[in-house]
Protein backbone atom coordinates (compact mmCIF):
# COMPACT_ATOMS: atom_id res chain seq x y z
CA MET A 1 10.99 18.71 -4.18
CA LYS A 2 9.80 19.90 -7.51
CA LYS A 3 6.26 18.98 -8.27
CA ARG A 4 4.86 18.54 -11.60
CA LYS A 5 1.91 20.73 -11.94
CA ASN A 6 -1.81 20.03 -12.37
CA ILE A 7 -1.64 16.36 -11.93
CA ILE A 8 -4.42 13.98 -10.17
CA THR A 9 -3.27 12.65 -6.70
CA VAL A 10 -4.85 9.89 -4.97
CA ALA A 11 -3.54 8.67 -1.35
CA ILE A 12 -5.37 5.31 -0.28
CA ASP A 13 -4.76 4.06 3.85
CA SER A 14 -5.71 0.79 4.42
CA PRO A 15 -5.31 -2.22 6.58
CA ALA A 16 -3.93 -5.43 4.70
CA ALA A 17 -6.23 -7.56 2.22
CA ALA A 18 -9.12 -4.69 2.50
CA GLY A 19 -8.78 -4.43 -1.28
CA ALA A 20 -7.19 -1.00 -1.62
CA GLY A 21 -4.51 -2.63 -4.09
CA THR A 22 -7.28 -3.60 -6.12
CA GLN A 23 -8.70 -0.75 -6.62
CA ALA A 24 -6.09 1.53 -7.07
CA LYS A 25 -5.16 -0.41 -9.82
CA LEU A 26 -8.58 0.21 -11.19
CA ILE A 27 -8.32 3.87 -10.58
CA SER A 28 -4.85 3.78 -12.08
CA LYS A 29 -6.05 2.20 -15.06
CA ASN A 30 -9.38 4.36 -15.35
CA TYR A 31 -7.71 7.61 -14.92
CA ASN A 32 -4.17 7.01 -16.54
CA LEU A 33 -2.54 7.34 -12.77
CA PHE A 34 1.16 6.03 -11.84
CA TYR A 35 0.55 2.92 -9.72
CA LEU A 36 2.27 2.51 -6.51
CA ASP A 37 2.01 -0.55 -4.05
CA THR A 38 3.77 1.24 -1.10
CA GLY A 39 3.04 -1.62 1.00
CA LYS A 40 5.13 -3.83 -1.69
CA ILE A 41 8.45 -1.53 -0.94
CA TYR A 42 8.27 -2.80 2.64
CA ARG A 43 7.84 -6.25 1.84
CA TYR A 44 10.60 -6.05 -0.46
CA ILE A 45 12.62 -4.47 2.70
CA GLY A 46 11.41 -7.24 4.92
CA MET A 47 12.92 -9.88 2.65
CA LEU A 48 16.24 -7.85 2.53
CA LYS A 49 16.13 -9.07 5.74
CA LEU A 50 15.25 -12.30 5.82
CA GLN A 51 17.91 -13.04 3.40
CA ASN A 52 20.27 -10.66 4.93
CA GLN A 53 20.32 -11.33 9.18
CA LYS A 54 24.05 -10.68 9.33
CA LYS A 55 24.69 -8.10 6.98
CA PHE A 56 21.27 -6.26 6.83
CA SER A 57 22.05 -1.89 7.27
CA TYR A 58 20.14 1.61 6.27
CA ASN A 59 23.18 1.20 3.48
CA LEU A 60 21.81 -1.74 2.13
CA VAL A 61 18.52 -0.93 2.30
CA LYS A 62 19.14 2.72 0.49
CA TYR A 63 21.00 1.29 -2.26
CA LYS A 64 18.91 -1.61 -2.64
CA ILE A 65 15.38 1.12 -3.19
CA ASP A 66 17.77 3.33 -5.10
CA ASN A 67 18.45 0.76 -8.09
CA ILE A 68 15.34 -1.18 -7.72
CA LYS A 69 13.41 -2.02 -10.75
CA LEU A 70 9.48 -1.45 -10.12
CA SER A 71 8.71 -4.54 -11.98
CA TYR A 72 10.25 -6.63 -9.19
CA LEU A 73 7.84 -5.33 -6.54
CA LYS A 74 5.15 -7.48 -8.59
CA ASN A 75 7.48 -10.74 -7.30
CA LYS A 76 4.95 -13.10 -5.97
CA SER A 77 8.16 -13.97 -3.35
CA LEU A 78 7.03 -11.18 -1.48
CA LEU A 79 3.44 -12.61 -0.71
CA SER A 80 4.74 -15.45 1.78
CA ASN A 81 3.38 -14.82 4.98
CA ASP A 82 7.06 -14.77 6.32
CA VAL A 83 7.89 -12.04 4.10
CA ALA A 84 4.66 -9.66 5.31
CA LEU A 85 5.38 -10.54 9.05
CA SER A 86 9.07 -8.95 8.20
CA ALA A 87 8.19 -5.83 6.56
CA ALA A 88 5.61 -4.79 8.81
CA LYS A 89 8.54 -4.89 11.49
CA VAL A 90 10.75 -3.14 9.53
CA ALA A 91 8.27 -0.55 8.45
CA LYS A 92 8.72 0.63 12.19
CA ASP A 93 12.08 1.74 11.35
CA LYS A 94 12.16 5.56 11.16
CA LYS A 95 15.28 5.83 9.66
CA ILE A 96 13.77 3.03 7.16
CA ARG A 97 10.36 5.21 6.85
CA HIS A 98 12.62 7.68 6.05
CA ILE A 99 13.99 6.22 2.62
CA VAL A 100 10.99 4.98 2.25
CA HIS A 101 9.17 8.37 2.12
CA LYS A 102 11.78 10.15 -0.28
CA PHE A 103 11.65 7.00 -2.67
CA GLN A 104 7.07 7.77 -2.49
CA GLN A 105 6.97 11.23 -3.10
CA LYS A 106 9.29 11.27 -6.02
CA TYR A 107 6.78 8.99 -7.83
CA ALA A 108 3.71 10.65 -5.95
CA TYR A 109 4.83 13.99 -7.58
CA ARG A 110 6.87 13.59 -10.00
CA PRO A 111 5.09 10.17 -12.14
CA PRO A 112 6.48 9.43 -15.41
CA LYS A 113 4.84 12.34 -18.15
CA LYS A 114 2.64 9.66 -19.75
CA TYR A 115 0.83 9.38 -16.89
CA ASN A 116 -2.11 12.17 -15.84
CA GLY A 117 -0.81 11.72 -12.11
CA SER A 118 -0.64 9.16 -9.00
CA VAL A 119 -2.29 6.71 -7.03
CA LEU A 120 -0.63 5.42 -3.77
CA ASP A 121 -2.09 3.10 -1.28
CA GLY A 122 -0.77 1.59 2.25
CA ARG A 123 -1.04 2.75 5.72
CA ASP A 124 0.54 6.26 6.21
CA ILE A 125 -0.41 7.64 2.47
CA VAL A 126 -2.88 9.73 3.88
CA THR A 127 -1.51 10.82 7.20
CA VAL A 128 2.58 11.42 6.09
CA GLN A 129 2.87 10.72 2.30
CA LEU A 130 0.30 12.99 0.02
CA ARG A 131 -0.92 15.48 2.97
CA ASP A 132 -2.49 17.10 0.01
CA ALA A 133 -3.39 14.62 -2.38
CA MET A 134 -6.41 15.45 -4.20
CA PHE A 135 -8.46 12.33 -3.22
CA LYS A 136 -8.28 10.61 0.12
CA PHE A 137 -9.68 7.87 1.26
CA PHE A 138 -9.68 4.71 3.46
CA ILE A 139 -10.43 1.21 2.46
CA THR A 140 -11.43 -1.08 4.91
CA ALA A 141 -13.09 -4.45 6.12
CA SER A 142 -14.21 -6.94 8.50
CA ILE A 143 -10.76 -9.06 9.62
CA LYS A 144 -12.68 -11.82 8.64
CA VAL A 145 -13.76 -10.93 5.57
CA ARG A 146 -10.02 -9.64 4.75
CA ALA A 147 -8.14 -13.39 6.34
CA ARG A 148 -10.51 -14.88 4.00
CA ARG A 149 -9.79 -12.60 0.71
CA ARG A 150 -6.15 -13.28 1.42
CA TYR A 151 -6.64 -17.26 2.09
CA ILE A 152 -7.96 -17.35 -1.27
CA GLU A 153 -5.05 -15.06 -2.33
CA TYR A 154 -2.40 -17.83 -0.72
CA LYS A 155 -4.69 -20.78 -2.21
CA GLY A 156 -4.62 -19.51 -5.79
CA LEU A 157 -0.54 -19.39 -5.38
CA ASN A 158 -0.43 -22.83 -4.06
CA LYS A 159 0.91 -21.90 -0.98
CA LYS A 160 -0.01 -24.12 1.74
CA ILE A 161 -1.44 -22.21 5.25
CA ALA A 162 -4.56 -22.69 7.43
CA TYR A 163 -7.22 -19.92 7.73
CA LYS A 164 -6.86 -19.66 11.01
CA GLU A 165 -2.96 -18.58 10.69
CA VAL A 166 -3.96 -15.84 7.90
CA LEU A 167 -6.59 -14.69 10.53
CA LYS A 168 -3.83 -14.78 13.31
CA SER A 169 -1.34 -13.26 11.20
CA LEU A 170 -3.58 -10.40 10.19
CA ARG A 171 -4.40 -9.28 14.15
CA ILE A 172 -0.53 -9.31 14.41
CA ARG A 173 -0.22 -7.25 11.23
CA ASP A 174 -2.83 -4.70 12.03
CA LYS A 175 -1.90 -4.04 15.81
CA LEU A 176 2.06 -3.78 14.60
CA ASP A 177 0.79 -1.33 12.09
CA LYS A 178 -1.90 0.47 14.45
CA GLU A 179 0.32 0.68 17.60
CA ARG A 180 3.73 1.73 15.77
CA LYS A 181 5.42 5.14 16.70
CA TYR A 182 6.04 6.51 13.64
CA GLY A 183 3.24 6.40 10.44
CA PRO A 184 0.87 4.11 11.99
CA LEU A 185 -2.60 3.17 10.28
CA LYS A 186 -5.44 5.61 11.15
CA LYS A 187 -8.25 7.50 9.36
CA THR A 188 -7.64 11.11 8.79
CA LYS A 189 -11.51 13.35 9.42
CA ASP A 190 -10.86 14.24 5.72
CA SER A 191 -10.29 10.95 3.92
CA ILE A 192 -13.38 9.30 3.04
CA LEU A 193 -14.11 5.98 4.35
CA ILE A 194 -15.00 2.83 2.12
CA ASN A 195 -16.11 -0.55 3.74
CA THR A 196 -16.05 -3.17 1.47
CA THR A 197 -17.00 -5.80 3.38
CA LYS A 198 -20.07 -6.17 1.44
CA LEU A 199 -19.11 -5.17 -1.82
CA SER A 200 -17.96 -6.46 -4.80
CA LYS A 201 -15.01 -4.94 -6.38
CA LYS A 202 -16.87 -3.84 -9.40
CA ALA A 203 -19.28 -1.83 -6.84
CA CYS A 204 -16.22 -0.36 -5.19
CA PHE A 205 -14.59 1.21 -8.14
CA LYS A 206 -18.60 2.39 -8.74
CA LYS A 207 -17.98 4.00 -5.63
CA ILE A 208 -14.78 5.92 -6.05
CA LYS A 209 -15.16 6.73 -9.43
CA ALA A 210 -18.77 8.45 -8.81
CA ILE A 211 -16.72 10.30 -6.18
CA MET A 212 -13.82 11.19 -8.45
CA ASP A 213 -15.60 11.95 -11.62
CA LYS A 214 -17.83 14.56 -9.48
CA LYS A 215 -14.74 16.74 -8.85
CA LEU A 216 -12.49 16.27 -11.58
CA TYR A 217 -15.64 16.97 -14.40
CA ASN A 218 -18.04 18.71 -12.51
């Protein structure tokens, strides 16, 4: 695949609700990078499976992904607990991961020309998708803090769900993400660890910005 030259590429891996999406958006805005939330792609496919139990197929997934409008990935219906668990399950499928991989590579290495580069966050961005990224981060937080954040997020969306249910769901997702055969969640030696358990969004971004600025401008 032909790649754009001299672009900034940022790869972020993280477990669910660790704050990676928030930081990716802040990075995108500050450095004018194209942001792709890869987890939302799997959520979209997870939703397709829930909606098309009998007709779900690789051809359906490929057609839908090839023709998806990126604005749809902001749809709040993708944030449900059922969709999240369905996404974790479809993400274990090698053929589906291959379809998504090609989609992600296109936007990672050939972002629209108005952007200075790209930033992607997910579970296997550093390990599989952008192995040669200019910046590699592994963002994490304690599971109780992550569950609390996700619970507050659901409350803001008027979703009726108990904190204990959110905590249980995250434990299941962590297990699925870490133990799947293809593209499991893990920290690489060359990725920078950012633990957000005791960090505010602003403090976390300040830490990331200092790392990026040092390499970009010194």
